Protein backbone atom coordinates (compact mmCIF):
# COMPACT_ATOMS: atom_id res chain seq x y z
CA MET A 1 30.21 -16.42 44.31
CA ARG A 2 27.81 -14.03 42.57
CA LEU A 3 24.64 -15.67 41.29
CA ILE A 4 22.99 -14.26 38.20
CA SER A 5 19.32 -14.99 37.66
CA PRO A 6 18.79 -16.75 34.30
CA GLY A 7 16.02 -14.26 33.56
CA PHE A 8 18.52 -11.39 33.59
CA ALA A 9 21.58 -13.12 32.18
CA HIS A 10 21.24 -11.51 28.76
CA LEU A 11 20.26 -7.98 29.75
CA LYS A 12 23.79 -6.77 28.95
CA LYS A 13 24.10 -6.54 25.20
CA PRO A 14 27.12 -8.42 23.79
CA THR A 15 29.81 -6.23 22.25
CA LEU A 16 32.67 -6.57 19.77
CA HIS A 17 34.95 -7.03 22.80
CA ASP A 18 32.88 -10.02 23.96
CA ILE A 19 33.19 -11.68 20.55
CA GLY A 20 36.90 -10.89 20.46
CA ARG A 21 37.48 -12.43 23.90
CA LYS A 22 35.58 -15.56 22.88
CA LEU A 23 37.80 -16.03 19.82
CA GLY A 24 41.02 -14.53 21.12
CA VAL A 25 41.17 -11.71 18.55
CA SER A 26 41.01 -7.93 18.71
CA PRO A 27 37.69 -5.99 18.53
CA ALA A 28 39.02 -4.29 15.39
CA SER A 29 39.42 -7.68 13.69
CA VAL A 30 35.90 -8.62 14.77
CA SER A 31 34.54 -5.37 13.31
CA ARG A 32 36.31 -5.97 9.99
CA ALA A 33 35.11 -9.58 9.89
CA LEU A 34 31.48 -8.53 10.47
CA ALA A 35 31.85 -6.00 7.65
CA ASP A 36 33.06 -8.89 5.42
CA ASN A 37 36.41 -7.16 4.88
CA PRO A 38 38.52 -9.27 2.46
CA ARG A 39 41.62 -8.45 4.53
CA ILE A 40 40.26 -10.89 7.12
CA SER A 41 40.52 -14.57 6.23
CA LEU A 42 37.34 -16.36 5.24
CA THR A 43 37.81 -18.82 8.12
CA LEU A 44 37.96 -16.05 10.72
CA ARG A 45 35.00 -14.23 9.13
CA GLN A 46 32.92 -17.40 9.44
CA GLN A 47 34.07 -17.93 13.04
CA VAL A 48 33.16 -14.34 13.95
CA GLN A 49 29.73 -14.63 12.32
CA LYS A 50 29.07 -17.85 14.23
CA ALA A 51 30.22 -16.39 17.56
CA ALA A 52 28.16 -13.23 17.01
CA SER A 53 25.08 -15.38 16.37
CA GLU A 54 25.70 -17.53 19.45
CA LEU A 55 26.14 -14.49 21.68
CA GLY A 56 23.14 -12.70 20.21
CA TYR A 57 25.19 -9.76 19.02
CA VAL A 58 23.19 -7.02 17.26
CA PRO A 59 25.28 -4.46 15.35
CA ASN A 60 24.81 -0.76 16.03
CA SER A 61 23.57 0.25 12.61
CA ALA A 62 23.67 3.97 13.40
CA ALA A 63 27.35 3.77 14.25
CA ARG A 64 28.00 1.60 11.21
CA ALA A 65 26.27 4.10 8.94
CA LEU A 66 28.38 6.92 10.34
CA ARG A 67 31.54 4.85 9.97
CA THR A 68 30.95 3.52 6.46
CA GLY A 69 28.95 6.42 5.05
CA LYS A 70 26.42 3.91 3.65
CA PRO A 71 22.86 4.49 4.95
CA ASP A 72 20.97 1.25 5.47
CA MET A 73 17.42 2.33 6.28
CA ALA A 74 14.35 3.61 4.40
CA ALA A 75 11.36 5.34 5.97
CA LEU A 76 7.84 4.49 4.81
CA MET A 77 5.74 7.57 5.52
CA VAL A 78 2.04 6.93 6.17
CA PRO A 79 -0.75 9.24 7.39
CA ASN A 80 -1.70 6.64 10.03
CA LEU A 81 -1.24 2.93 10.61
CA SER A 82 -4.81 2.06 9.61
CA VAL A 83 -3.97 2.64 5.94
CA LEU A 84 -1.90 -0.56 6.08
CA ARG A 85 -5.05 -2.70 6.34
CA THR A 86 -6.83 -1.20 3.33
CA ASP A 87 -6.68 -1.69 -0.42
CA GLY A 88 -3.89 -4.28 -0.50
CA ASN A 89 -1.43 -2.04 1.35
CA LEU A 90 -0.11 -4.91 3.48
CA ASP A 91 0.94 -6.66 0.26
CA VAL A 92 2.58 -3.40 -0.83
CA LEU A 93 4.43 -3.13 2.49
CA GLN A 94 5.53 -6.77 2.41
CA SER A 95 7.01 -6.58 -1.09
CA ILE A 96 8.81 -3.28 -0.36
CA ASP A 97 10.30 -4.79 2.80
CA GLU A 98 11.44 -7.92 0.93
CA GLU A 99 12.99 -6.02 -2.00
CA LEU A 100 14.84 -3.57 0.22
CA GLY A 101 15.83 -6.27 2.70
CA GLN A 102 17.61 -8.21 -0.04
CA GLN A 103 19.85 -5.17 -0.47
CA GLY A 104 20.50 -4.79 3.27
CA ILE A 105 18.10 -1.88 3.75
CA ARG A 106 15.70 -2.03 6.68
CA LEU A 107 12.27 -0.41 6.62
CA LEU A 108 11.02 2.05 9.23
CA VAL A 109 7.31 2.99 9.25
CA ALA A 110 6.66 6.60 10.32
CA SER A 111 3.14 8.06 10.65
CA TYR A 112 2.62 11.82 10.30
CA HIS A 113 -1.12 11.86 11.21
CA GLN A 114 -2.07 14.91 9.16
CA PRO A 115 -0.70 16.61 6.01
CA SER A 116 0.40 19.73 7.88
CA LEU A 117 2.78 17.62 9.99
CA VAL A 118 4.58 16.05 7.02
CA PRO A 119 7.51 18.54 6.95
CA ALA A 120 8.16 18.22 10.69
CA THR A 121 8.00 14.40 10.57
CA MET A 122 10.33 14.37 7.56
CA ARG A 123 12.86 16.55 9.40
CA LYS A 124 12.91 14.16 12.35
CA VAL A 125 13.32 11.10 10.15
CA LEU A 126 15.94 12.68 7.90
CA ALA A 127 18.07 13.57 10.94
CA ASP A 128 19.01 9.87 11.26
CA PRO A 129 22.33 9.19 9.43
CA ARG A 130 21.12 5.67 8.62
CA LEU A 131 18.37 6.95 6.33
CA ALA A 132 18.78 6.32 2.61
CA GLY A 133 15.47 7.87 1.54
CA LEU A 134 11.68 8.04 1.87
CA LEU A 135 8.62 6.26 0.48
CA PHE A 136 5.15 7.79 0.89
CA LEU A 137 2.22 5.36 1.10
CA THR A 138 -0.97 7.40 1.08
CA ASN A 139 -4.22 7.98 -0.80
CA TYR A 140 -4.43 11.59 0.37
CA ILE A 141 -2.46 13.35 -2.35
CA THR A 142 -2.71 17.12 -2.00
CA GLU A 143 -0.88 19.87 -3.87
CA GLN A 144 0.99 20.63 -0.65
CA LEU A 145 2.19 17.04 -0.32
CA VAL A 146 3.32 16.98 -3.96
CA GLU A 147 5.28 20.18 -3.35
CA VAL A 148 6.92 18.73 -0.23
CA ILE A 149 7.95 15.60 -2.13
CA GLN A 150 9.33 17.66 -5.03
CA LYS A 151 11.52 19.58 -2.57
CA SER A 152 12.67 16.51 -0.64
CA PRO A 153 16.47 16.53 -0.19
CA THR A 154 16.65 12.74 -0.49
CA ALA A 155 15.34 9.96 -2.74
CA THR A 156 11.53 9.93 -2.41
CA VAL A 157 8.99 7.57 -4.01
CA LEU A 158 5.21 7.91 -3.92
CA VAL A 159 3.62 4.48 -3.44
CA ASN A 160 0.16 3.24 -4.45
CA ALA A 161 -0.62 6.52 -6.17
CA TYR A 162 -0.15 7.39 -9.81
CA PRO A 163 -0.56 10.57 -11.90
CA GLU A 164 -3.30 9.35 -14.23
CA ARG A 165 -4.12 12.99 -14.88
CA SER A 166 -2.61 16.41 -14.05
CA TRP A 167 0.82 15.24 -15.20
CA GLU A 168 2.34 18.70 -14.96
CA GLN A 169 1.94 18.60 -11.18
CA TRP A 170 4.03 15.43 -10.96
CA ASP A 171 7.20 16.53 -12.74
CA GLY A 172 10.22 14.88 -11.16
CA ILE A 173 8.17 12.66 -8.82
CA MET A 174 8.84 8.93 -8.74
CA ALA A 175 5.64 6.93 -8.29
CA SER A 176 4.29 3.39 -8.42
CA GLY A 177 0.57 2.71 -8.59
CA THR A 178 -2.43 1.00 -10.18
CA GLU A 179 -4.76 2.06 -13.01
CA ASN A 180 -7.59 3.26 -10.81
CA LEU A 181 -9.43 5.38 -13.37
CA LEU A 182 -9.29 2.84 -16.18
CA GLY A 183 -10.03 -0.04 -13.80
CA ALA A 184 -13.22 1.62 -12.56
CA GLU A 185 -14.21 2.41 -16.13
CA LEU A 186 -13.71 -1.25 -17.10
CA ALA A 187 -15.86 -2.37 -14.17
CA THR A 188 -18.68 0.05 -14.95
CA MET A 189 -18.64 -0.68 -18.69
CA HIS A 190 -18.95 -4.39 -17.83
CA ILE A 191 -22.19 -3.56 -15.99
CA VAL A 192 -23.39 -1.43 -18.92
CA LYS A 193 -22.74 -4.29 -21.34
CA ASN A 194 -24.86 -6.51 -19.11
CA GLY A 195 -27.79 -4.32 -20.10
CA HIS A 196 -28.13 -2.06 -17.06
CA THR A 197 -29.21 1.57 -17.40
CA ARG A 198 -29.58 2.46 -13.70
CA ILE A 199 -26.14 1.92 -12.18
CA GLY A 200 -25.41 3.10 -8.66
CA ALA A 201 -22.05 3.68 -6.99
CA LEU A 202 -20.82 3.28 -3.43
CA VAL A 203 -17.82 5.60 -3.42
CA CYS A 204 -15.59 7.23 -0.83
CA GLU A 205 -15.44 10.72 0.60
CA GLN A 206 -13.67 13.02 -1.81
CA GLY A 207 -10.00 13.85 -1.29
CA GLN A 208 -8.54 10.33 -1.47
CA ARG A 209 -6.82 10.21 -4.84
CA ASP A 210 -7.33 6.51 -5.59
CA ALA A 211 -11.01 6.69 -4.65
CA ASP A 212 -11.49 9.95 -6.57
CA LEU A 213 -10.07 8.35 -9.70
CA ARG A 214 -12.32 5.31 -9.29
CA GLU A 215 -15.36 7.56 -9.01
CA GLU A 216 -14.16 9.44 -12.08
CA GLY A 217 -13.87 6.14 -13.99
CA TYR A 218 -17.47 5.31 -13.04
CA THR A 219 -18.78 8.67 -14.31
CA HIS A 220 -16.66 8.40 -17.49
CA ALA A 221 -18.27 5.06 -18.31
CA LEU A 222 -21.81 6.37 -17.81
CA ASN A 223 -21.08 9.49 -19.88
CA ARG A 224 -19.59 7.38 -22.69
CA SER A 225 -22.69 5.21 -22.68
CA GLY A 226 -25.09 8.15 -22.66
CA LEU A 227 -26.56 7.10 -19.31
CA GLU A 228 -27.90 9.46 -16.68
CA ILE A 229 -25.90 9.99 -13.50
CA ASN A 230 -28.52 10.10 -10.77
CA PRO A 231 -27.20 11.76 -7.56
CA LEU A 232 -29.57 9.58 -5.52
CA HIS A 233 -27.73 6.52 -6.84
CA ILE A 234 -24.36 7.65 -5.44
CA VAL A 235 -23.69 7.05 -1.74
CA ARG A 236 -20.42 7.98 -0.01
CA CYS A 237 -18.70 5.53 2.31
CA ASP A 238 -15.79 5.51 4.73
CA PHE A 239 -12.80 3.87 3.01
CA LEU A 240 -11.30 2.63 6.30
CA ARG A 241 -14.57 1.14 7.57
CA GLY A 242 -15.62 -0.27 4.23
CA PHE A 243 -17.78 -3.24 5.22
CA GLU A 244 -20.05 -1.50 7.70
CA THR A 245 -20.39 1.67 5.63
CA GLY A 246 -21.09 -0.40 2.51
CA ARG A 247 -23.86 -2.18 4.37
CA ARG A 248 -25.34 1.10 5.62
CA ALA A 249 -25.02 2.66 2.16
CA VAL A 250 -27.33 0.01 0.71
CA HIS A 251 -29.96 0.74 3.35
CA LYS A 252 -29.63 4.48 2.62
CA LEU A 253 -29.90 3.85 -1.12
CA MET A 254 -33.01 1.71 -0.73
CA ALA A 255 -34.64 4.34 1.49
CA ALA A 256 -33.95 7.11 -1.04
CA CYS A 257 -35.31 5.26 -4.09
CA THR A 258 -38.56 3.59 -5.00
CA SER A 259 -38.51 0.06 -6.36
CA ALA A 260 -39.14 1.53 -9.82
CA ASP A 261 -36.15 3.88 -9.88
CA ARG A 262 -33.57 2.15 -7.70
CA PRO A 263 -30.35 0.95 -9.36
CA THR A 264 -30.17 -2.57 -10.75
CA ALA A 265 -26.37 -2.73 -10.37
CA LEU A 266 -23.71 -1.23 -8.09
CA PHE A 267 -20.09 -0.24 -8.63
CA CYS A 268 -18.17 -0.18 -5.33
CA SER A 269 -14.87 1.66 -4.79
CA SER A 270 -13.38 -1.24 -2.83
CA ASP A 271 -14.00 -4.91 -2.18
CA ASP A 272 -14.59 -4.15 1.52
CA ILE A 273 -17.41 -1.79 0.57
CA ALA A 274 -18.74 -4.38 -1.90
CA ALA A 275 -18.75 -7.03 0.84
CA GLY A 276 -20.85 -4.69 2.97
CA ALA A 277 -23.16 -4.07 0.01
CA LEU A 278 -23.72 -7.81 -0.42
CA ARG A 279 -24.72 -8.05 3.24
CA GLY A 280 -26.94 -4.97 2.99
CA LEU A 281 -28.75 -6.35 -0.04
CA MET A 282 -29.33 -9.58 1.84
CA ASP A 283 -30.75 -7.54 4.75
CA VAL A 284 -33.37 -5.92 2.49
CA GLY A 285 -34.29 -9.19 0.79
CA LEU A 286 -32.59 -8.61 -2.58
CA SER A 287 -30.71 -11.39 -4.34
CA VAL A 288 -27.32 -10.94 -6.06
CA PRO A 289 -27.06 -11.07 -9.03
CA ARG A 290 -30.76 -11.65 -9.85
CA ASP A 291 -32.06 -8.40 -8.29
CA MET A 292 -28.84 -6.41 -8.16
CA GLU A 293 -25.40 -6.95 -9.70
CA VAL A 294 -22.36 -5.88 -7.65
CA VAL A 295 -18.80 -5.13 -8.75
CA GLY A 296 -15.90 -4.24 -6.43
CA PHE A 297 -12.33 -3.03 -6.78
CA GLY A 298 -9.10 -4.49 -5.40
CA ASN A 299 -9.35 -8.28 -5.80
CA HIS A 300 -9.21 -8.85 -2.05
CA PRO A 301 -8.10 -12.44 -1.24
CA LEU A 302 -11.57 -13.13 0.17
CA SER A 303 -13.45 -11.70 -2.81
CA ILE A 304 -13.66 -15.14 -4.41
CA ALA A 305 -15.09 -16.56 -1.16
CA MET A 306 -17.94 -14.05 -0.89
CA ASN A 307 -21.51 -15.16 -1.53
CA PRO A 308 -21.71 -14.91 -4.47
CA PRO A 309 -18.06 -14.62 -5.53
CA LEU A 310 -17.34 -10.98 -6.31
CA THR A 311 -16.57 -9.51 -9.70
CA THR A 312 -13.69 -7.12 -9.09
CA VAL A 313 -10.72 -5.25 -10.54
CA THR A 314 -7.19 -6.40 -9.85
CA HIS A 315 -4.99 -4.41 -7.51
CA ASP A 316 -1.60 -6.12 -7.48
CA GLY A 317 -0.13 -4.70 -4.28
CA GLU A 318 2.94 -6.94 -4.51
CA ALA A 319 3.81 -5.59 -7.97
CA VAL A 320 3.20 -2.00 -6.88
CA GLY A 321 5.51 -2.49 -3.90
CA ARG A 322 8.23 -4.16 -5.97
CA ASN A 323 8.15 -1.35 -8.53
CA ALA A 324 8.38 1.27 -5.78
CA ALA A 325 11.31 -0.50 -4.11
CA ARG A 326 13.18 -0.85 -7.41
CA LEU A 327 12.74 2.85 -8.21
CA PHE A 328 14.02 3.65 -4.73
CA LEU A 329 17.05 1.36 -5.01
CA GLU A 330 17.98 2.62 -8.45
CA VAL A 331 18.03 6.24 -7.31
CA THR A 332 19.81 5.59 -4.00
CA ASN A 333 22.48 3.70 -5.94
CA GLY A 334 23.09 6.71 -8.14
CA GLY A 335 21.01 5.67 -11.13
CA HIS A 336 18.38 7.50 -13.15
CA PRO A 337 15.21 5.46 -13.88
CA LYS A 338 14.13 5.50 -17.53
CA GLU A 339 10.54 5.57 -16.30
CA ALA A 340 10.02 7.51 -13.09
CA GLN A 341 6.33 6.64 -12.84
CA LEU A 342 5.38 2.95 -13.08
CA LEU A 343 1.78 1.86 -13.64
CA GLN A 344 0.44 -1.60 -12.82
CA PRO A 345 -2.35 -2.36 -15.35
CA ALA A 346 -5.84 -3.02 -14.00
CA GLU A 347 -7.78 -6.08 -15.17
CA LEU A 348 -11.41 -7.04 -14.66
CA ILE A 349 -12.13 -10.41 -13.03
CA VAL A 350 -15.70 -11.49 -13.77
CA ARG A 351 -17.39 -13.69 -11.18
CA ALA A 352 -20.94 -14.61 -10.21
CA SER A 353 -21.91 -11.31 -8.57
CA SER A 354 -22.29 -9.70 -12.01
CA LEU A 355 -23.68 -12.59 -14.03
CA ALA A 356 -27.32 -11.71 -14.75
CA ILE A 357 -28.71 -15.14 -13.88
CA GLY A 358 -32.44 -15.31 -14.40
CA ARG A 359 -32.74 -11.62 -15.33
CA GLY A 360 -35.26 -10.94 -18.01
């Protein structure tokens, strides 16, 4: 008698033959039943599904794609995995995965690390016969990346980025994003209407499209209001390390300005940066909103729990992801979207961090 250790009993993956032997039918019948072929009786299809589940059978999707000619996988291209924890991108990822999953399409996340490696990474991913198309989730939108996407041989959707300007560069590109420029303008104009004339900004290093547009919205609002843009009032932060760089930015801002010329309000490019700003202001003994009003961007789930609750701009990652997935599905199913570029409107949410309590 050969004893098999329970710990290794399931190392051998169950096959169609194993299911067939269990039910007394041919592997071909099992394969047809798993594919929900109407030529197989409903009773047998249900029996096969149950047996496959009991045995822990996992179908070979690569072989199935080759056999049926129906790709069942989408690749989400990201510059690196850390982008998934910023700016609502996990909500974007979750909604894309749910929408595609309902249609039997699984999501693969592929990081390309730097823009120059995008073509090589795409070639590797596209070599898989299971692939139905690509989605790019990135804030680093360069002319080279736009050109690569335009030349993509498969369905390709740009996610969490939107052509709010330079439309001619986006011809033929499918995109789903948020109103970054207008959202930042709304936030800054809210501060202006509160009576502030010295408005600072904690913004990101240039080259990240969303952050660039938010900075542009801030400058638009000041220009519209006839207010001076003081370079000393603008401090650049690291988007991926928002809290700590927001905190440091406040210390840098306070060191660069006297009490007479420092800003009385701050626009922050993200809620993470704004959270750091709140901590930094506490460090230097300033009260929010009495001494300094603060507005963020993104409506992070914890923004309402900050002290004080943070005024912010909505960033509906779930809606952005759903729109991207629906564009993708429509194209991969042979359709032609009426609108290739979908914009999720930005809205201002006013909370205590920008209510001028006791200011006079």
